[in-house]
Amino acid sequence: MSISYSKCAGLTQLSLAVAGSVLALSVQAGTVTTDGADIVIKTKGGLEVATTDKEFSFKLGGRIQADYARFNDYYTRNGNTADAAYFRRAYLEFGGTVYKDWKYQINYDLSRNVGNDSTGYFDEGSVTYTGFNPLNVKVGRFYTDFGLEKATSSKWVTALERNLSYDVAEWINDNSGMGVQANGVVGEMAYLSGSVFSENNNDTDGDSVKRYNLRGVFAPLHESGNVLHVGVQYAYRDLKDAAIDTRIRSRMGMRGVETNGGNSAGSNGTRSVFGGSAAQQGLWKDDSVWGLEGAWALDAFSVQGEYLRRTLKADAAQNDIKASGYYAQMAYTLTGEPRIYKLDGARFDSIKPQNKQIGAWEVFYRYDAFTVEDDNVVVSTNVRQVGDSEGKAHTLGVNWYANEAVKVSANYVKARTDNVSNTVGDDTGDGVVMRLQYVF
């Protein structure tokens, strides 16, 4: 649906025009006249208002992801079956354009799975300048760029939870702090980004820990249904004299063992520590991660995978910690639709159903594995034994894109760990999680 009016100039006039147009629609009468460019109102997929000269716009939208999970054995401390019903995400999203070259975005998580009381529950709060085409400069609070699956929106990732290799170094994709990022598409076949981020952690002088991320992707084929994507990334932070929580923890693909936004397994949920330590001043010198990513898509079929390796260098600690992880995934859309791919951001996007009656049906399989080498663990406990710890998971899933707003998903996860267990010795577990997603 779109409605054109004559003449508007500036953001204030635009807002007044929108209010007037909504009122006019409600009473089936009236005319809104302004002194600038025409405006267009769109109601498909949220409320979007823009001037025809593209100088000003804003869009109000959001996403709701309601999950239910049931799991047993390793996933609970006592090995018995538990369940969880929760909002994985409940975002209110507001963004737009001001004076053509300035873009803004504010996403707030009402489920409180992002952020905290002191810094707010913002998924994003940023301003981007696009006037240096093809370079974009973003400032504010946002997720730093590392990896294909993180670049893909949580609305359109294939599995319900992103791959386990990210658990090896959660900070590489964190948004806790403030930063600046430059990115852009080069030569219509490559994407580059670099950022520096000021974390919400300080050293003994009160100087914030700085994080640096670089990502480069070469995608000579980047049309939906015809994708060849290879990339490399690197992240670094200096931890000298800082108290940083470096624990490598994983839910093993089952968010319901510990989450916000509703009911979880509570104190009976297992979120094991595979290595690292709680925050303590001066233990670590620096932290670095490098990674590789790749994807290939042909029509309704796609494969993708990522690998990363982390080195946490010791200062006062006895030994360095080394960790690595990877995943491989295959997906196929039974109804024939391709996964949409966007070179700007080097990421996959949604699947748009061609048949409005049956929607689009996608099936997939993913294998995850990671290893943590922490020689600072010298005494075994009932939940962490001496030696390299490992985590592995098989995930089978189906996604039904009922339409462009509604997505229904179900995943089965089979997990296994080495040298890590729950309190009764279980090192394998099964879980099923289902989601109803509404995007507007």
Protein backbone atom coordinates (compact mmCIF):
# COMPACT_ATOMS: atom_id res chain seq x y z
CA MET A 1 0.00 0.00 0.00
CA SER A 2 1.38 3.48 -0.84
CA ILE A 3 -0.15 6.94 -0.69
CA SER A 4 1.43 10.05 -2.26
CA TYR A 5 0.92 13.60 -1.07
CA SER A 6 2.29 16.84 -2.42
CA LYS A 7 5.22 18.63 -0.88
CA CYS A 8 7.20 18.32 2.30
CA ALA A 9 10.50 19.81 3.43
CA GLY A 10 12.49 18.65 6.41
CA LEU A 11 12.00 16.05 9.06
CA THR A 12 9.55 18.15 11.12
CA GLN A 13 7.24 18.70 8.20
CA LEU A 14 7.48 15.01 7.35
CA SER A 15 6.39 13.95 10.85
CA LEU A 16 3.48 16.39 10.79
CA ALA A 17 2.43 15.14 7.40
CA VAL A 18 2.47 11.54 8.58
CA ALA A 19 0.29 12.37 11.59
CA GLY A 20 -2.11 14.27 9.37
CA SER A 21 -2.28 11.53 6.79
CA VAL A 22 -3.05 8.85 9.36
CA LEU A 23 -5.85 11.01 10.75
CA ALA A 24 -7.19 11.65 7.27
CA LEU A 25 -7.24 7.94 6.51
CA SER A 26 -9.10 7.16 9.73
CA VAL A 27 -11.98 9.52 8.89
CA GLN A 28 -11.93 8.85 5.14
CA ALA A 29 -11.49 12.54 4.35
CA GLY A 30 -9.00 15.40 4.30
CA THR A 31 -5.92 16.56 2.39
CA VAL A 32 -2.37 17.07 3.63
CA THR A 33 -0.40 19.76 1.80
CA THR A 34 3.24 20.59 2.45
CA ASP A 35 5.89 22.72 0.78
CA GLY A 36 8.50 20.12 -0.26
CA ALA A 37 8.79 16.75 -1.98
CA ASP A 38 5.92 14.25 -2.07
CA ILE A 39 5.86 11.60 0.62
CA VAL A 40 5.00 7.90 0.45
CA ILE A 41 3.57 5.77 3.26
CA LYS A 42 4.05 2.01 3.17
CA THR A 43 2.38 -0.35 5.62
CA LYS A 44 3.75 -3.66 4.35
CA GLY A 45 6.30 -4.94 6.87
CA GLY A 46 5.91 -2.22 9.49
CA LEU A 47 5.21 1.47 9.01
CA GLU A 48 7.55 3.23 6.60
CA VAL A 49 7.37 6.87 5.56
CA ALA A 50 9.70 8.52 3.04
CA THR A 51 9.95 11.53 0.78
CA THR A 52 10.09 10.75 -2.93
CA ASP A 53 13.47 12.50 -3.25
CA LYS A 54 14.85 10.06 -0.61
CA GLU A 55 16.04 12.92 1.59
CA PHE A 56 14.06 11.84 4.65
CA SER A 57 12.48 8.61 5.87
CA PHE A 58 11.71 6.57 8.93
CA LYS A 59 10.52 3.03 9.52
CA LEU A 60 8.95 1.50 12.61
CA GLY A 61 9.24 -2.28 12.85
CA GLY A 62 10.35 -5.12 15.06
CA ARG A 63 10.59 -8.84 15.60
CA ILE A 64 9.12 -11.33 18.06
CA GLN A 65 10.66 -14.79 18.52
CA ALA A 66 8.75 -17.03 20.92
CA ASP A 67 10.60 -20.29 21.73
CA TYR A 68 9.74 -23.54 23.46
CA ALA A 69 12.47 -26.10 24.21
CA ARG A 70 12.68 -29.49 25.88
CA PHE A 71 16.01 -31.16 26.74
CA ASN A 72 17.63 -33.81 28.95
CA ASP A 73 20.81 -35.55 30.13
CA TYR A 74 23.85 -33.23 29.74
CA TYR A 75 21.65 -30.15 29.36
CA THR A 76 20.45 -30.40 32.98
CA ARG A 77 22.59 -30.69 36.09
CA ASN A 78 20.71 -33.73 37.41
CA GLY A 79 20.23 -35.33 33.99
CA ASN A 80 16.43 -35.23 34.12
CA THR A 81 14.22 -33.70 31.44
CA ALA A 82 13.48 -29.98 31.67
CA ASP A 83 11.77 -27.46 29.43
CA ALA A 84 11.78 -23.72 28.78
CA ALA A 85 9.33 -21.25 27.24
CA TYR A 86 10.68 -17.78 26.58
CA PHE A 87 11.01 -14.85 24.23
CA ARG A 88 14.35 -15.30 22.51
CA ARG A 89 14.04 -11.81 21.10
CA ALA A 90 11.39 -9.10 21.28
CA TYR A 91 12.78 -6.07 19.46
CA LEU A 92 11.25 -2.71 18.74
CA GLU A 93 13.14 -1.20 15.80
CA PHE A 94 13.20 2.40 14.61
CA GLY A 95 15.41 3.71 11.81
CA GLY A 96 15.58 5.95 8.80
CA THR A 97 17.35 8.64 6.79
CA VAL A 98 18.01 12.32 7.43
CA TYR A 99 19.29 14.65 4.68
CA LYS A 100 19.92 11.63 2.40
CA ASP A 101 23.45 10.78 3.62
CA TRP A 102 22.72 10.22 7.32
CA LYS A 103 21.06 7.01 8.55
CA TYR A 104 20.07 6.07 12.07
CA GLN A 105 18.96 2.85 13.73
CA ILE A 106 17.68 2.10 17.23
CA ASN A 107 16.76 -1.48 18.22
CA TYR A 108 15.63 -2.15 21.79
CA ASP A 109 15.27 -5.65 23.24
CA LEU A 110 12.15 -5.91 25.39
CA SER A 111 13.05 -9.52 26.27
CA ARG A 112 16.31 -8.30 27.90
CA ASN A 113 18.48 -10.96 26.31
CA VAL A 114 20.77 -8.19 25.07
CA GLY A 115 22.48 -5.68 27.38
CA ASN A 116 21.94 -5.07 31.09
CA ASP A 117 20.49 -2.58 33.57
CA SER A 118 23.54 -0.31 33.59
CA THR A 119 24.05 0.01 29.82
CA GLY A 120 20.49 -0.50 28.61
CA TYR A 121 18.97 -3.32 26.59
CA PHE A 122 19.92 -1.98 23.17
CA ASP A 123 20.56 -4.35 20.30
CA GLU A 124 21.77 -1.34 18.34
CA GLY A 125 21.90 2.43 18.60
CA SER A 126 23.90 3.92 15.72
CA VAL A 127 24.28 6.71 13.19
CA THR A 128 25.83 6.00 9.77
CA TYR A 129 27.19 8.48 7.23
CA THR A 130 26.96 7.26 3.62
CA GLY A 131 28.25 10.33 1.79
CA PHE A 132 31.74 8.88 1.18
CA ASN A 133 30.38 6.38 -1.36
CA PRO A 134 31.21 3.50 -1.44
CA LEU A 135 32.49 3.89 2.14
CA ASN A 136 30.04 3.98 5.06
CA VAL A 137 31.03 5.18 8.52
CA LYS A 138 28.98 3.97 11.50
CA VAL A 139 29.24 5.31 15.05
CA GLY A 140 27.49 4.08 18.19
CA ARG A 141 26.56 0.76 19.74
CA PHE A 142 26.38 -2.17 17.35
CA TYR A 143 27.72 -5.68 16.81
CA THR A 144 31.28 -5.77 15.55
CA ASP A 145 31.77 -7.60 12.24
CA PHE A 146 33.14 -11.15 12.47
CA GLY A 147 31.77 -14.09 10.49
CA LEU A 148 29.08 -14.92 7.97
CA GLU A 149 26.48 -16.23 10.40
CA LYS A 150 26.75 -13.21 12.67
CA ALA A 151 26.44 -10.86 9.69
CA THR A 152 23.15 -12.60 8.85
CA SER A 153 20.21 -11.23 10.84
CA SER A 154 18.80 -13.40 13.62
CA LYS A 155 15.53 -13.25 11.66
CA TRP A 156 17.03 -15.20 8.76
CA VAL A 157 19.78 -17.47 10.15
CA THR A 158 19.07 -21.08 9.22
CA ALA A 159 19.42 -22.68 12.68
CA LEU A 160 17.68 -21.17 15.69
CA GLU A 161 21.00 -20.56 17.48
CA ARG A 162 24.22 -19.52 15.77
CA ASN A 163 27.11 -21.98 15.52
CA LEU A 164 29.09 -23.17 18.55
CA SER A 165 32.44 -21.86 17.31
CA TYR A 166 31.31 -18.36 18.31
CA ASP A 167 31.16 -19.59 21.94
CA VAL A 168 34.94 -19.97 21.83
CA ALA A 169 35.30 -16.16 21.74
CA GLU A 170 31.99 -14.42 22.46
CA TRP A 171 33.58 -10.97 22.56
CA ILE A 172 34.32 -10.91 18.80
CA ASN A 173 30.62 -10.34 18.09
CA ASP A 174 29.65 -8.41 21.20
CA ASN A 175 27.92 -5.01 21.24
CA SER A 176 28.74 -4.05 24.83
CA GLY A 177 30.38 -0.63 24.49
CA MET A 178 30.71 2.04 21.79
CA GLY A 179 32.64 2.09 18.56
CA VAL A 180 33.20 3.29 15.02
CA GLN A 181 33.16 1.12 11.90
CA ALA A 182 34.00 1.75 8.25
CA ASN A 183 32.66 -0.62 5.60
CA GLY A 184 31.79 -0.75 1.94
CA VAL A 185 31.44 -2.74 -1.26
CA VAL A 186 34.50 -2.66 -3.54
CA GLY A 187 34.42 -3.40 -7.26
CA GLU A 188 30.96 -4.96 -7.08
CA MET A 189 32.46 -8.25 -5.87
CA ALA A 190 34.10 -7.62 -2.47
CA TYR A 191 33.05 -6.36 0.95
CA LEU A 192 35.46 -4.86 3.50
CA SER A 193 34.93 -3.65 7.05
CA GLY A 194 37.06 -2.47 9.95
CA SER A 195 36.14 -1.23 13.40
CA VAL A 196 37.51 -0.10 16.72
CA PHE A 197 35.37 -0.57 19.81
CA SER A 198 35.63 0.73 23.34
CA GLU A 199 34.45 -2.06 25.63
CA ASN A 200 32.73 -1.66 28.99
CA ASN A 201 35.91 -2.89 30.70
CA ASN A 202 38.79 -0.83 32.09
CA ASP A 203 42.43 -1.32 33.02
CA THR A 204 43.91 -0.10 36.32
CA ASP A 205 44.18 3.46 34.93
CA GLY A 206 40.51 3.54 33.97
CA ASP A 207 41.35 3.30 30.26
CA SER A 208 38.78 1.19 28.41
CA VAL A 209 39.77 -2.04 26.69
CA LYS A 210 39.93 -1.46 22.93
CA ARG A 211 38.77 -4.05 20.43
CA TYR A 212 39.80 -4.12 16.75
CA ASN A 213 37.92 -6.10 14.09
CA LEU A 214 38.72 -6.60 10.40
CA ARG A 215 36.68 -8.57 7.85
CA GLY A 216 37.15 -9.03 4.13
CA VAL A 217 34.93 -11.03 1.78
CA PHE A 218 35.39 -11.85 -1.90
CA ALA A 219 32.13 -12.81 -3.63
CA PRO A 220 32.54 -12.99 -7.42
CA LEU A 221 29.08 -14.61 -7.56
CA HIS A 222 26.60 -12.74 -5.42
CA GLU A 223 23.15 -13.15 -6.94
CA SER A 224 20.46 -14.94 -4.96
CA GLY A 225 20.64 -18.61 -5.95
CA ASN A 226 24.12 -18.15 -7.44
CA VAL A 227 26.61 -17.37 -4.66
CA LEU A 228 30.32 -17.97 -4.17
CA HIS A 229 31.57 -16.35 -0.97
CA VAL A 230 34.98 -16.61 0.74
CA GLY A 231 36.17 -14.43 3.58
CA VAL A 232 38.76 -13.87 6.29
CA GLN A 233 38.55 -11.94 9.57
CA TYR A 234 40.71 -10.94 12.52
CA ALA A 235 39.95 -9.51 15.97
CA TYR A 236 42.33 -8.28 18.69
CA ARG A 237 42.15 -6.65 22.13
CA ASP A 238 44.83 -5.63 24.64
CA LEU A 239 44.04 -6.99 28.12
CA LYS A 240 47.11 -5.71 29.97
CA ASP A 241 46.20 -4.73 33.57
CA ALA A 242 42.49 -5.31 32.91
CA ALA A 243 40.06 -7.53 34.80
CA ILE A 244 38.24 -9.45 32.05
CA ASP A 245 35.97 -12.47 32.28
CA THR A 246 37.62 -14.89 29.83
CA ARG A 247 35.51 -17.95 30.58
CA ILE A 248 34.67 -20.01 27.52
CA ARG A 249 31.10 -21.07 28.21
CA SER A 250 28.59 -22.79 25.96
CA ARG A 251 24.91 -23.69 26.06
CA MET A 252 25.64 -26.28 23.36
CA GLY A 253 22.95 -24.92 21.09
CA MET A 254 20.13 -25.01 23.66
CA ARG A 255 19.34 -21.46 24.82
CA GLY A 256 16.66 -22.65 27.23
CA VAL A 257 19.22 -23.94 29.75
CA GLU A 258 19.88 -20.28 30.67
CA THR A 259 18.05 -17.31 29.19
CA ASN A 260 15.91 -14.27 29.92
CA GLY A 261 12.57 -13.29 28.44
CA GLY A 262 10.61 -15.99 30.22
CA ASN A 263 11.10 -19.36 31.88
CA SER A 264 14.34 -21.34 31.55
CA ALA A 265 15.76 -24.43 33.24
CA GLY A 266 16.98 -22.11 36.02
CA SER A 267 19.51 -23.54 38.46
CA ASN A 268 19.17 -26.97 36.83
CA GLY A 269 20.36 -25.79 33.41
CA THR A 270 23.89 -26.72 32.32
CA ARG A 271 26.07 -23.98 30.84
CA SER A 272 29.53 -25.45 31.25
CA VAL A 273 32.87 -23.65 31.51
CA PHE A 274 35.24 -25.26 29.00
CA GLY A 275 38.21 -23.01 29.88
CA GLY A 276 39.34 -19.55 30.94
CA SER A 277 38.68 -17.75 34.22
CA ALA A 278 36.40 -15.23 35.88
CA ALA A 279 37.49 -11.58 35.89
CA GLN A 280 40.74 -11.02 37.76
CA GLN A 281 43.21 -8.15 37.37
CA GLY A 282 46.33 -8.74 35.29
CA LEU A 283 45.92 -12.42 34.37
CA TRP A 284 46.08 -11.89 30.62
CA LYS A 285 48.24 -9.95 28.20
CA ASP A 286 46.17 -9.91 25.01
CA ASP A 287 43.47 -11.79 23.12
CA SER A 288 43.33 -12.48 19.38
CA VAL A 289 41.09 -14.43 17.02
CA TRP A 290 41.34 -15.10 13.31
CA GLY A 291 38.82 -16.86 11.14
CA LEU A 292 37.79 -18.11 7.71
CA GLU A 293 34.32 -18.28 6.18
CA GLY A 294 32.88 -19.70 2.98
CA ALA A 295 29.56 -20.31 1.24
CA TRP A 296 28.23 -21.64 -2.04
CA ALA A 297 24.63 -21.51 -3.20
CA LEU A 298 23.00 -22.82 -6.36
CA ASP A 299 19.27 -22.27 -6.74
CA ALA A 300 17.55 -23.83 -3.68
CA PHE A 301 20.70 -25.54 -2.32
CA SER A 302 23.38 -23.92 -0.15
CA VAL A 303 26.42 -24.92 1.87
CA GLN A 304 28.40 -22.78 4.27
CA GLY A 305 31.01 -23.06 6.99
CA GLU A 306 33.34 -21.10 9.24
CA TYR A 307 36.53 -21.76 11.20
CA LEU A 308 38.12 -19.67 13.93
CA ARG A 309 41.13 -19.92 16.22
CA ARG A 310 41.69 -17.96 19.43
CA THR A 311 44.91 -17.35 21.40
CA LEU A 312 44.63 -15.84 24.88
CA LYS A 313 48.15 -14.91 25.98
CA ALA A 314 49.03 -15.23 29.65
CA ASP A 315 50.53 -12.49 31.82
CA ALA A 316 50.15 -13.50 35.48
CA ALA A 317 48.38 -16.72 34.47
CA GLN A 318 50.54 -19.82 34.11
CA ASN A 319 49.72 -20.77 30.55
CA ASP A 320 48.22 -19.39 27.35
CA ILE A 321 44.78 -20.65 26.34
CA LYS A 322 44.22 -21.82 22.78
CA ALA A 323 40.84 -22.65 21.32
CA SER A 324 39.40 -23.40 17.90
CA GLY A 325 36.01 -24.19 16.41
CA TYR A 326 34.22 -24.78 13.15
CA TYR A 327 30.90 -25.75 11.62
CA ALA A 328 29.62 -27.03 8.28
CA GLN A 329 26.01 -26.63 7.14
CA MET A 330 23.87 -27.81 4.22
CA ALA A 331 20.40 -26.40 3.48
CA TYR A 332 17.79 -27.04 0.81
CA THR A 333 14.50 -25.29 0.09
CA LEU A 334 11.98 -27.98 -0.82
CA THR A 335 9.71 -25.49 -2.55
CA GLY A 336 12.52 -24.20 -4.79
CA GLU A 337 13.18 -20.67 -3.49
CA PRO A 338 16.81 -19.50 -3.15
CA ARG A 339 18.24 -17.81 -0.10
CA ILE A 340 18.56 -14.09 -0.77
CA TYR A 341 22.17 -12.86 -0.65
CA LYS A 342 23.36 -9.28 -0.13
CA LEU A 343 26.90 -8.22 -0.96
CA ASP A 344 26.49 -5.09 1.19
CA GLY A 345 27.28 -6.77 4.51
CA ALA A 346 28.32 -10.03 2.80
CA ARG A 347 25.40 -11.96 4.25
CA PHE A 348 22.42 -14.14 3.55
CA ASP A 349 18.95 -12.74 4.03
CA SER A 350 15.42 -14.12 3.98
CA ILE A 351 13.69 -16.69 1.79
CA LYS A 352 10.64 -15.18 0.11
CA PRO A 353 7.82 -17.69 -0.55
CA GLN A 354 6.71 -17.92 -4.17
CA ASN A 355 3.49 -19.78 -3.32
CA LYS A 356 1.36 -17.70 -0.97
CA GLN A 357 -0.74 -20.73 -0.02
CA ILE A 358 1.94 -23.19 1.16
CA GLY A 359 4.82 -20.80 1.83
CA ALA A 360 8.46 -21.89 1.54
CA TRP A 361 9.84 -25.01 3.25
CA GLU A 362 13.54 -25.38 4.10
CA VAL A 363 15.43 -28.31 5.66
CA PHE A 364 19.03 -28.29 6.89
CA TYR A 365 21.78 -30.16 8.74
CA ARG A 366 24.67 -28.61 10.65
CA TYR A 367 27.70 -30.09 12.42
CA ASP A 368 29.56 -28.02 15.06
CA ALA A 369 32.79 -28.75 16.91
CA PHE A 370 35.19 -26.82 19.13
CA THR A 371 38.25 -27.56 21.28
CA VAL A 372 39.68 -25.63 24.24
CA GLU A 373 43.30 -26.17 25.37
CA ASP A 374 43.65 -24.75 28.88
CA ASP A 375 46.65 -26.14 30.78
CA ASN A 376 45.79 -23.91 33.73
CA VAL A 377 43.25 -26.60 34.69
CA VAL A 378 45.41 -28.93 36.80
CA VAL A 379 42.85 -30.47 39.14
CA SER A 380 39.80 -32.42 37.99
CA THR A 381 36.34 -31.77 39.38
CA ASN A 382 33.08 -33.61 38.83
CA VAL A 383 32.17 -31.23 35.98
CA ARG A 384 35.60 -30.38 34.45
CA GLN A 385 38.38 -32.90 34.02
CA VAL A 386 42.05 -32.17 33.29
CA GLY A 387 42.89 -32.10 29.58
CA ASP A 388 41.57 -30.47 26.44
CA SER A 389 37.81 -29.96 26.56
CA GLU A 390 35.63 -30.43 23.50
CA GLY A 391 32.08 -29.83 22.39
CA LYS A 392 30.28 -31.30 19.38
CA ALA A 393 26.70 -31.02 18.14
CA HIS A 394 24.53 -32.32 15.32
CA THR A 395 21.54 -30.15 14.41
CA LEU A 396 18.65 -31.14 12.15
CA GLY A 397 15.99 -28.58 11.38
CA VAL A 398 13.07 -27.39 9.31
CA ASN A 399 11.92 -23.82 8.62
CA TRP A 400 8.51 -22.89 7.27
CA TYR A 401 8.33 -19.38 5.83
CA ALA A 402 4.54 -19.09 5.93
CA ASN A 403 4.79 -15.61 4.41
CA GLU A 404 7.20 -12.69 4.54
CA ALA A 405 6.23 -11.93 8.15
CA VAL A 406 5.76 -15.33 9.79
CA LYS A 407 8.39 -18.06 10.16
CA VAL A 408 7.92 -21.31 12.08
CA SER A 409 10.99 -23.42 12.95
CA ALA A 410 11.91 -26.65 14.72
CA ASN A 411 15.43 -27.93 15.55
CA TYR A 412 16.67 -31.20 17.02
CA VAL A 413 20.12 -31.00 18.64
CA LYS A 414 22.33 -33.93 19.71
CA ALA A 415 25.31 -32.73 21.77
CA ARG A 416 28.42 -34.41 23.15
CA THR A 417 31.29 -33.13 25.31
CA ASP A 418 34.74 -34.40 26.33
CA ASN A 419 36.31 -33.66 29.74
CA VAL A 420 33.19 -31.65 30.59
CA SER A 421 29.96 -33.03 32.05
CA ASN A 422 26.99 -32.20 34.22
CA THR A 423 27.05 -32.90 37.96
CA VAL A 424 25.96 -36.54 37.53
CA GLY A 425 28.51 -37.33 34.82
CA ASP A 426 26.41 -37.01 31.64
CA ASP A 427 28.41 -35.92 28.60
CA THR A 428 25.68 -36.32 25.96
CA GLY A 429 22.32 -34.65 25.65
CA ASP A 430 19.31 -34.26 23.36
CA GLY A 431 17.09 -31.26 22.87
CA VAL A 432 14.25 -30.01 20.72
CA VAL A 433 13.45 -26.32 20.30
CA MET A 434 10.62 -24.69 18.33
CA ARG A 435 10.05 -21.06 17.40
CA LEU A 436 7.25 -18.86 16.16
CA GLN A 437 8.64 -15.69 14.63
CA TYR A 438 6.74 -12.59 13.56
CA VAL A 439 8.55 -9.76 11.79
CA PHE A 440 6.97 -6.39 11.11
